[in-house]
Amino acid sequence: MIDKAELSASALWLAPQEAGVIRIGFADDGRELLGPVTQIAWLVKSGNLELGTPFMTVKGAKDGLVLRTPFAGRIVRINTGLVDHPEWLDHRNDELDWLFDVVDD
């Protein structure tokens, strides 16, 4: 399993939501690296995060990756459906491939 912060950062997309909330999702670079996603596991589901905190492992047909937070903040919402549907991360779809929403406190 790959655990490199620079690979983790390139596997994420960021999009502003309502005031002060940033949505973090799984990007094309992650899909290319891992292949079809077979399993995810949340390492953190709530609370405050420091820069670089490991928050999820994603396993694919080719490899696995530990995803780390690209900035500090507080989780306000997670995409709970990913545990039962890791395949949602296989294709870019902002309604499905988002991971969590965070606020910068």
Protein backbone atom coordinates (compact mmCIF):
# COMPACT_ATOMS: atom_id res chain seq x y z
CA MET A 1 0.00 0.00 0.00
CA ILE A 2 1.35 3.40 -0.97
CA ASP A 3 1.59 5.97 1.83
CA LYS A 4 3.10 9.09 0.29
CA ALA A 5 1.62 12.51 0.98
CA GLU A 6 2.36 13.81 -2.54
CA LEU A 7 0.49 10.89 -4.17
CA SER A 8 -2.38 11.36 -1.77
CA ALA A 9 -2.70 15.05 -2.65
CA SER A 10 -2.80 14.36 -6.40
CA ALA A 11 -5.56 11.77 -5.83
CA LEU A 12 -7.91 14.42 -4.40
CA TRP A 13 -10.09 17.19 -5.81
CA LEU A 14 -11.36 20.16 -3.80
CA ALA A 15 -14.53 22.17 -4.43
CA PRO A 16 -16.04 25.01 -2.40
CA GLN A 17 -19.57 24.35 -1.11
CA GLU A 18 -21.64 26.63 1.11
CA ALA A 19 -19.81 29.38 3.01
CA GLY A 20 -16.64 28.05 4.62
CA VAL A 21 -17.12 24.40 3.55
CA ILE A 22 -14.75 22.58 1.19
CA ARG A 23 -15.71 19.25 -0.37
CA ILE A 24 -12.87 16.77 -0.91
CA GLY A 25 -13.28 14.04 -3.51
CA PHE A 26 -11.36 11.30 -5.31
CA ALA A 27 -9.62 12.50 -8.49
CA ASP A 28 -8.57 10.93 -11.79
CA ASP A 29 -4.93 10.57 -10.68
CA GLY A 30 -6.08 8.23 -7.92
CA ARG A 31 -8.16 6.19 -10.34
CA GLU A 32 -5.20 5.81 -12.72
CA LEU A 33 -2.89 4.72 -9.90
CA LEU A 34 -5.25 2.21 -8.27
CA GLY A 35 -7.41 0.87 -11.08
CA PRO A 36 -10.96 -0.16 -10.22
CA VAL A 37 -11.62 0.49 -6.53
CA THR A 38 -12.47 -2.64 -4.56
CA GLN A 39 -12.55 -1.42 -0.95
CA ILE A 40 -12.37 1.70 1.19
CA ALA A 41 -11.93 2.07 4.92
CA TRP A 42 -12.45 5.24 6.92
CA LEU A 43 -9.61 5.97 9.35
CA VAL A 44 -11.32 9.14 10.63
CA LYS A 45 -15.05 9.92 10.36
CA SER A 46 -15.45 13.07 12.43
CA GLY A 47 -13.67 15.75 14.38
CA ASN A 48 -10.66 17.93 13.80
CA LEU A 49 -7.91 17.02 11.35
CA GLU A 50 -4.34 18.23 11.13
CA LEU A 51 -2.56 18.73 7.82
CA GLY A 52 -1.51 15.30 6.57
CA THR A 53 -3.82 13.26 8.82
CA PRO A 54 -4.52 9.84 7.26
CA PHE A 55 -8.31 9.69 6.83
CA MET A 56 -9.00 6.80 4.44
CA THR A 57 -7.45 3.78 2.78
CA VAL A 58 -8.52 3.01 -0.77
CA LYS A 59 -7.70 -0.35 -2.35
CA GLY A 60 -7.90 -0.96 -6.06
CA ALA A 61 -7.12 -3.71 -8.53
CA LYS A 62 -3.54 -2.43 -8.97
CA ASP A 63 -2.57 -1.01 -5.57
CA GLY A 64 -3.74 0.70 -2.41
CA LEU A 65 -3.35 4.24 -1.14
CA VAL A 66 -3.58 5.99 2.22
CA LEU A 67 -5.33 9.33 1.67
CA ARG A 68 -4.21 12.25 3.84
CA THR A 69 -5.85 15.60 4.47
CA PRO A 70 -4.50 18.41 2.27
CA PHE A 71 -5.13 21.01 5.02
CA ALA A 72 -6.29 21.26 8.62
CA GLY A 73 -9.97 21.54 9.43
CA ARG A 74 -13.03 19.87 10.94
CA ILE A 75 -15.08 17.18 9.20
CA VAL A 76 -18.74 18.18 8.96
CA ARG A 77 -20.06 15.44 6.65
CA ILE A 78 -18.78 12.19 5.11
CA ASN A 79 -20.01 10.16 2.17
CA THR A 80 -21.16 7.11 4.15
CA GLY A 81 -22.33 5.31 0.99
CA LEU A 82 -18.76 4.66 -0.13
CA VAL A 83 -18.27 1.75 2.27
CA ASP A 84 -21.02 -0.22 0.52
CA HIS A 85 -20.28 1.23 -2.94
CA PRO A 86 -16.51 1.69 -3.39
CA GLU A 87 -17.10 1.49 -7.15
CA TRP A 88 -18.50 5.05 -6.95
CA LEU A 89 -14.84 6.14 -6.93
CA ASP A 90 -14.15 4.51 -10.32
CA HIS A 91 -15.57 7.38 -12.39
CA ARG A 92 -15.66 11.15 -12.05
CA ASN A 93 -19.09 12.04 -10.72
CA ASP A 94 -19.16 14.86 -8.17
CA GLU A 95 -22.41 13.52 -6.70
CA LEU A 96 -20.85 10.12 -5.92
CA ASP A 97 -17.05 10.35 -5.74
CA TRP A 98 -16.87 12.92 -2.94
CA LEU A 99 -15.28 11.80 0.32
CA PHE A 100 -16.07 14.40 2.97
CA ASP A 101 -16.83 18.05 3.65
CA VAL A 102 -14.54 20.03 5.91
CA VAL A 103 -14.52 23.51 7.40
CA ASP A 104 -11.41 25.48 8.23
CA ASP A 105 -11.95 26.50 11.85
